[in-house]
Amino acid sequence: MMPTGKTMDAALSELRQAIAALENAVDMRFERERERSEIDGEVRRVHADRSRLAQELDQAEFRANRLEEVNREVSRRLVTAMETIRAVLDR
C-alpha cells in the first residue's frame, strides 16, 4: 500500500495534467473559433466582391451593347452619305 502523501502527490499531479489538458483544449477551441470567424468574414467579403463585380459586368455589357447600336447607326448613316455623294458625283 502507498503512503498517503505519495497517493496525494500522484492525485495532484493527475489533476494538474487534467487542468493543463483542459486549458489546452479551451485555447484550441478559441483559436478555431477565431479562425472560423476570420473565414466567415472572408467569405462575406468574397460574396460582396462577387455581387459588385456582377453589377459592374452588367453595366459594362449594357454600355457595350449601346455602343454597338450606335456604331451600327453611324455605319448606316455613313453608307447613306457615301451613296448620296456618289449619286451627286455621277450626275
N, C-alpha and C. Protein backbone atom coordinates (compact mmCIF):
# COMPACT_ATOMS: atom_id res chain seq x y z
N MET A 1 0.84 -1.17 0.00
CA MET A 1 0.00 0.00 0.00
C MET A 1 0.89 1.24 0.00
N MET A 2 0.47 2.29 -0.77
CA MET A 2 1.24 3.52 -0.89
C MET A 2 0.95 4.41 0.31
N PRO A 3 1.96 5.13 0.73
CA PRO A 3 1.71 6.09 1.80
C PRO A 3 0.78 7.18 1.27
N THR A 4 0.03 7.79 2.18
CA THR A 4 -0.98 8.79 1.81
C THR A 4 -0.36 9.98 1.09
N GLY A 5 0.83 10.39 1.47
CA GLY A 5 1.50 11.54 0.84
C GLY A 5 1.77 11.29 -0.63
N LYS A 6 2.23 10.09 -0.97
CA LYS A 6 2.52 9.76 -2.36
C LYS A 6 1.24 9.65 -3.17
N THR A 7 0.21 9.10 -2.58
CA THR A 7 -1.08 9.00 -3.28
C THR A 7 -1.63 10.39 -3.55
N MET A 8 -1.50 11.28 -2.58
CA MET A 8 -1.98 12.64 -2.73
C MET A 8 -1.16 13.37 -3.80
N ASP A 9 0.17 13.16 -3.79
CA ASP A 9 1.03 13.79 -4.82
C ASP A 9 0.65 13.29 -6.21
N ALA A 10 0.40 12.00 -6.34
CA ALA A 10 0.02 11.43 -7.63
C ALA A 10 -1.32 12.00 -8.08
N ALA A 11 -2.27 12.11 -7.16
CA ALA A 11 -3.59 12.65 -7.49
C ALA A 11 -3.46 14.12 -7.91
N LEU A 12 -2.64 14.89 -7.19
CA LEU A 12 -2.44 16.29 -7.54
C LEU A 12 -1.76 16.42 -8.91
N SER A 13 -0.83 15.55 -9.18
CA SER A 13 -0.15 15.56 -10.47
C SER A 13 -1.13 15.27 -11.60
N GLU A 14 -1.98 14.27 -11.39
CA GLU A 14 -3.00 13.94 -12.40
C GLU A 14 -3.98 15.10 -12.59
N LEU A 15 -4.34 15.73 -11.47
CA LEU A 15 -5.26 16.87 -11.54
C LEU A 15 -4.62 18.01 -12.33
N ARG A 16 -3.34 18.29 -12.06
CA ARG A 16 -2.64 19.34 -12.80
C ARG A 16 -2.59 19.02 -14.30
N GLN A 17 -2.31 17.77 -14.61
CA GLN A 17 -2.27 17.35 -16.02
C GLN A 17 -3.65 17.50 -16.67
N ALA A 18 -4.68 17.13 -15.94
CA ALA A 18 -6.04 17.25 -16.48
C ALA A 18 -6.41 18.72 -16.70
N ILE A 19 -6.03 19.58 -15.75
CA ILE A 19 -6.31 21.02 -15.88
C ILE A 19 -5.53 21.59 -17.06
N ALA A 20 -4.28 21.19 -17.21
CA ALA A 20 -3.46 21.67 -18.33
C ALA A 20 -4.08 21.21 -19.66
N ALA A 21 -4.53 19.96 -19.70
CA ALA A 21 -5.17 19.45 -20.93
C ALA A 21 -6.45 20.22 -21.23
N LEU A 22 -7.23 20.52 -20.19
CA LEU A 22 -8.47 21.29 -20.37
C LEU A 22 -8.15 22.70 -20.87
N GLU A 23 -7.15 23.35 -20.26
CA GLU A 23 -6.76 24.68 -20.71
C GLU A 23 -6.31 24.66 -22.17
N ASN A 24 -5.56 23.64 -22.53
CA ASN A 24 -5.10 23.49 -23.91
C ASN A 24 -6.29 23.30 -24.86
N ALA A 25 -7.26 22.48 -24.45
CA ALA A 25 -8.44 22.26 -25.28
C ALA A 25 -9.24 23.55 -25.44
N VAL A 26 -9.37 24.32 -24.37
CA VAL A 26 -10.09 25.60 -24.43
C VAL A 26 -9.36 26.56 -25.35
N ASP A 27 -8.03 26.64 -25.22
CA ASP A 27 -7.24 27.51 -26.10
C ASP A 27 -7.40 27.12 -27.56
N MET A 28 -7.37 25.82 -27.84
CA MET A 28 -7.54 25.35 -29.21
C MET A 28 -8.94 25.69 -29.73
N ARG A 29 -9.94 25.56 -28.88
CA ARG A 29 -11.31 25.89 -29.28
C ARG A 29 -11.43 27.39 -29.61
N PHE A 30 -10.85 28.24 -28.77
CA PHE A 30 -10.88 29.68 -29.05
C PHE A 30 -10.17 29.99 -30.37
N GLU A 31 -9.05 29.32 -30.61
CA GLU A 31 -8.30 29.53 -31.85
C GLU A 31 -9.14 29.10 -33.06
N ARG A 32 -9.80 27.96 -32.98
CA ARG A 32 -10.66 27.50 -34.08
C ARG A 32 -11.81 28.48 -34.31
N GLU A 33 -12.39 28.99 -33.24
CA GLU A 33 -13.49 29.96 -33.36
C GLU A 33 -12.99 31.25 -34.01
N ARG A 34 -11.80 31.69 -33.62
CA ARG A 34 -11.23 32.90 -34.22
C ARG A 34 -10.98 32.68 -35.71
N GLU A 35 -10.40 31.53 -36.06
CA GLU A 35 -10.14 31.20 -37.46
C GLU A 35 -11.45 31.11 -38.24
N ARG A 36 -12.46 30.51 -37.64
CA ARG A 36 -13.76 30.38 -38.30
C ARG A 36 -14.37 31.76 -38.53
N SER A 37 -14.24 32.62 -37.54
CA SER A 37 -14.75 33.98 -37.68
C SER A 37 -14.03 34.71 -38.81
N GLU A 38 -12.73 34.53 -38.91
CA GLU A 38 -11.96 35.15 -39.99
C GLU A 38 -12.39 34.60 -41.34
N ILE A 39 -12.61 33.29 -41.41
CA ILE A 39 -13.05 32.66 -42.65
C ILE A 39 -14.44 33.16 -43.03
N ASP A 40 -15.33 33.25 -42.05
CA ASP A 40 -16.68 33.77 -42.32
C ASP A 40 -16.61 35.19 -42.86
N GLY A 41 -15.75 36.01 -42.28
CA GLY A 41 -15.58 37.38 -42.76
C GLY A 41 -15.04 37.41 -44.18
N GLU A 42 -14.10 36.55 -44.47
CA GLU A 42 -13.54 36.49 -45.82
C GLU A 42 -14.60 36.02 -46.82
N VAL A 43 -15.42 35.06 -46.43
CA VAL A 43 -16.50 34.59 -47.31
C VAL A 43 -17.48 35.74 -47.59
N ARG A 44 -17.82 36.51 -46.55
CA ARG A 44 -18.72 37.66 -46.76
C ARG A 44 -18.10 38.67 -47.71
N ARG A 45 -16.79 38.93 -47.56
CA ARG A 45 -16.11 39.88 -48.45
C ARG A 45 -16.11 39.36 -49.89
N VAL A 46 -15.87 38.06 -50.05
CA VAL A 46 -15.86 37.47 -51.40
C VAL A 46 -17.23 37.60 -52.03
N HIS A 47 -18.29 37.33 -51.26
CA HIS A 47 -19.65 37.45 -51.80
C HIS A 47 -19.96 38.90 -52.17
N ALA A 48 -19.53 39.84 -51.35
CA ALA A 48 -19.76 41.25 -51.65
C ALA A 48 -19.00 41.65 -52.92
N ASP A 49 -17.75 41.19 -53.04
CA ASP A 49 -16.97 41.47 -54.25
C ASP A 49 -17.64 40.86 -55.48
N ARG A 50 -18.12 39.65 -55.34
CA ARG A 50 -18.78 38.96 -56.44
C ARG A 50 -20.01 39.74 -56.89
N SER A 51 -20.81 40.19 -55.94
CA SER A 51 -22.00 40.97 -56.27
C SER A 51 -21.63 42.26 -56.98
N ARG A 52 -20.62 42.95 -56.46
CA ARG A 52 -20.17 44.20 -57.07
C ARG A 52 -19.67 43.96 -58.47
N LEU A 53 -18.87 42.91 -58.65
CA LEU A 53 -18.32 42.60 -59.97
C LEU A 53 -19.43 42.20 -60.95
N ALA A 54 -20.42 41.46 -60.47
CA ALA A 54 -21.54 41.08 -61.34
C ALA A 54 -22.30 42.33 -61.80
N GLN A 55 -22.49 43.27 -60.89
CA GLN A 55 -23.17 44.52 -61.24
C GLN A 55 -22.33 45.32 -62.25
N GLU A 56 -21.04 45.41 -62.01
CA GLU A 56 -20.16 46.12 -62.94
C GLU A 56 -20.16 45.45 -64.31
N LEU A 57 -20.19 44.13 -64.34
CA LEU A 57 -20.22 43.40 -65.61
C LEU A 57 -21.52 43.69 -66.35
N ASP A 58 -22.64 43.69 -65.63
CA ASP A 58 -23.92 44.02 -66.26
C ASP A 58 -23.88 45.42 -66.86
N GLN A 59 -23.32 46.37 -66.13
CA GLN A 59 -23.23 47.74 -66.64
C GLN A 59 -22.32 47.82 -67.87
N ALA A 60 -21.20 47.09 -67.82
CA ALA A 60 -20.28 47.09 -68.95
C ALA A 60 -20.93 46.46 -70.18
N GLU A 61 -21.67 45.38 -69.98
CA GLU A 61 -22.38 44.75 -71.09
C GLU A 61 -23.42 45.69 -71.68
N PHE A 62 -24.13 46.42 -70.81
CA PHE A 62 -25.12 47.38 -71.29
C PHE A 62 -24.44 48.45 -72.14
N ARG A 63 -23.32 49.00 -71.64
CA ARG A 63 -22.59 50.03 -72.39
C ARG A 63 -22.07 49.48 -73.72
N ALA A 64 -21.56 48.26 -73.71
CA ALA A 64 -21.05 47.64 -74.94
C ALA A 64 -22.18 47.46 -75.95
N ASN A 65 -23.33 47.02 -75.49
CA ASN A 65 -24.48 46.86 -76.39
C ASN A 65 -24.92 48.20 -76.96
N ARG A 66 -24.93 49.22 -76.11
CA ARG A 66 -25.32 50.56 -76.56
C ARG A 66 -24.32 51.08 -77.59
N LEU A 67 -23.03 50.90 -77.34
CA LEU A 67 -22.00 51.32 -78.30
C LEU A 67 -22.15 50.58 -79.62
N GLU A 68 -22.48 49.31 -79.55
CA GLU A 68 -22.68 48.52 -80.76
C GLU A 68 -23.86 49.07 -81.57
N GLU A 69 -24.94 49.43 -80.88
CA GLU A 69 -26.10 50.02 -81.56
C GLU A 69 -25.72 51.35 -82.21
N VAL A 70 -25.01 52.20 -81.47
CA VAL A 70 -24.58 53.49 -82.01
C VAL A 70 -23.66 53.29 -83.20
N ASN A 71 -22.75 52.33 -83.10
CA ASN A 71 -21.83 52.04 -84.19
C ASN A 71 -22.59 51.61 -85.45
N ARG A 72 -23.59 50.76 -85.28
CA ARG A 72 -24.40 50.35 -86.44
C ARG A 72 -25.11 51.54 -87.07
N GLU A 73 -25.65 52.43 -86.23
CA GLU A 73 -26.35 53.61 -86.74
C GLU A 73 -25.39 54.54 -87.48
N VAL A 74 -24.19 54.76 -86.94
CA VAL A 74 -23.19 55.60 -87.60
C VAL A 74 -22.79 54.98 -88.93
N SER A 75 -22.58 53.67 -88.92
CA SER A 75 -22.21 52.96 -90.15
C SER A 75 -23.32 53.11 -91.20
N ARG A 76 -24.56 52.95 -90.79
CA ARG A 76 -25.69 53.09 -91.70
C ARG A 76 -25.72 54.50 -92.29
N ARG A 77 -25.51 55.50 -91.45
CA ARG A 77 -25.52 56.90 -91.91
C ARG A 77 -24.36 57.18 -92.86
N LEU A 78 -23.19 56.59 -92.58
CA LEU A 78 -22.05 56.79 -93.48
C LEU A 78 -22.32 56.18 -94.85
N VAL A 79 -22.89 55.00 -94.86
CA VAL A 79 -23.23 54.36 -96.13
C VAL A 79 -24.22 55.23 -96.90
N THR A 80 -25.23 55.74 -96.21
CA THR A 80 -26.21 56.61 -96.87
C THR A 80 -25.53 57.87 -97.41
N ALA A 81 -24.65 58.47 -96.61
CA ALA A 81 -23.94 59.67 -97.05
C ALA A 81 -23.07 59.38 -98.27
N MET A 82 -22.35 58.24 -98.25
CA MET A 82 -21.49 57.88 -99.39
C MET A 82 -22.33 57.65 -100.65
N GLU A 83 -23.46 56.99 -100.50
CA GLU A 83 -24.32 56.75 -101.65
C GLU A 83 -24.86 58.07 -102.20
N THR A 84 -25.19 58.99 -101.30
CA THR A 84 -25.68 60.30 -101.74
C THR A 84 -24.60 61.06 -102.48
N ILE A 85 -23.36 61.02 -101.97
CA ILE A 85 -22.23 61.70 -102.61
C ILE A 85 -21.96 61.07 -103.98
N ARG A 86 -21.99 59.75 -104.09
CA ARG A 86 -21.77 59.07 -105.37
C ARG A 86 -22.86 59.47 -106.38
N ALA A 87 -24.10 59.51 -105.86
CA ALA A 87 -25.19 59.86 -106.76
C ALA A 87 -25.01 61.30 -107.28
N VAL A 88 -24.58 62.19 -106.42
CA VAL A 88 -24.36 63.58 -106.84
C VAL A 88 -23.20 63.65 -107.83
N LEU A 89 -22.13 62.92 -107.56
CA LEU A 89 -20.96 62.94 -108.45
C LEU A 89 -21.25 62.30 -109.80
N ASP A 90 -22.13 61.33 -109.82
CA ASP A 90 -22.45 60.64 -111.06
C ASP A 90 -23.33 61.49 -111.98
N ARG A 91 -23.93 62.52 -111.50
CA ARG A 91 -24.83 63.36 -112.32
C ARG A 91 -24.07 64.22 -113.22
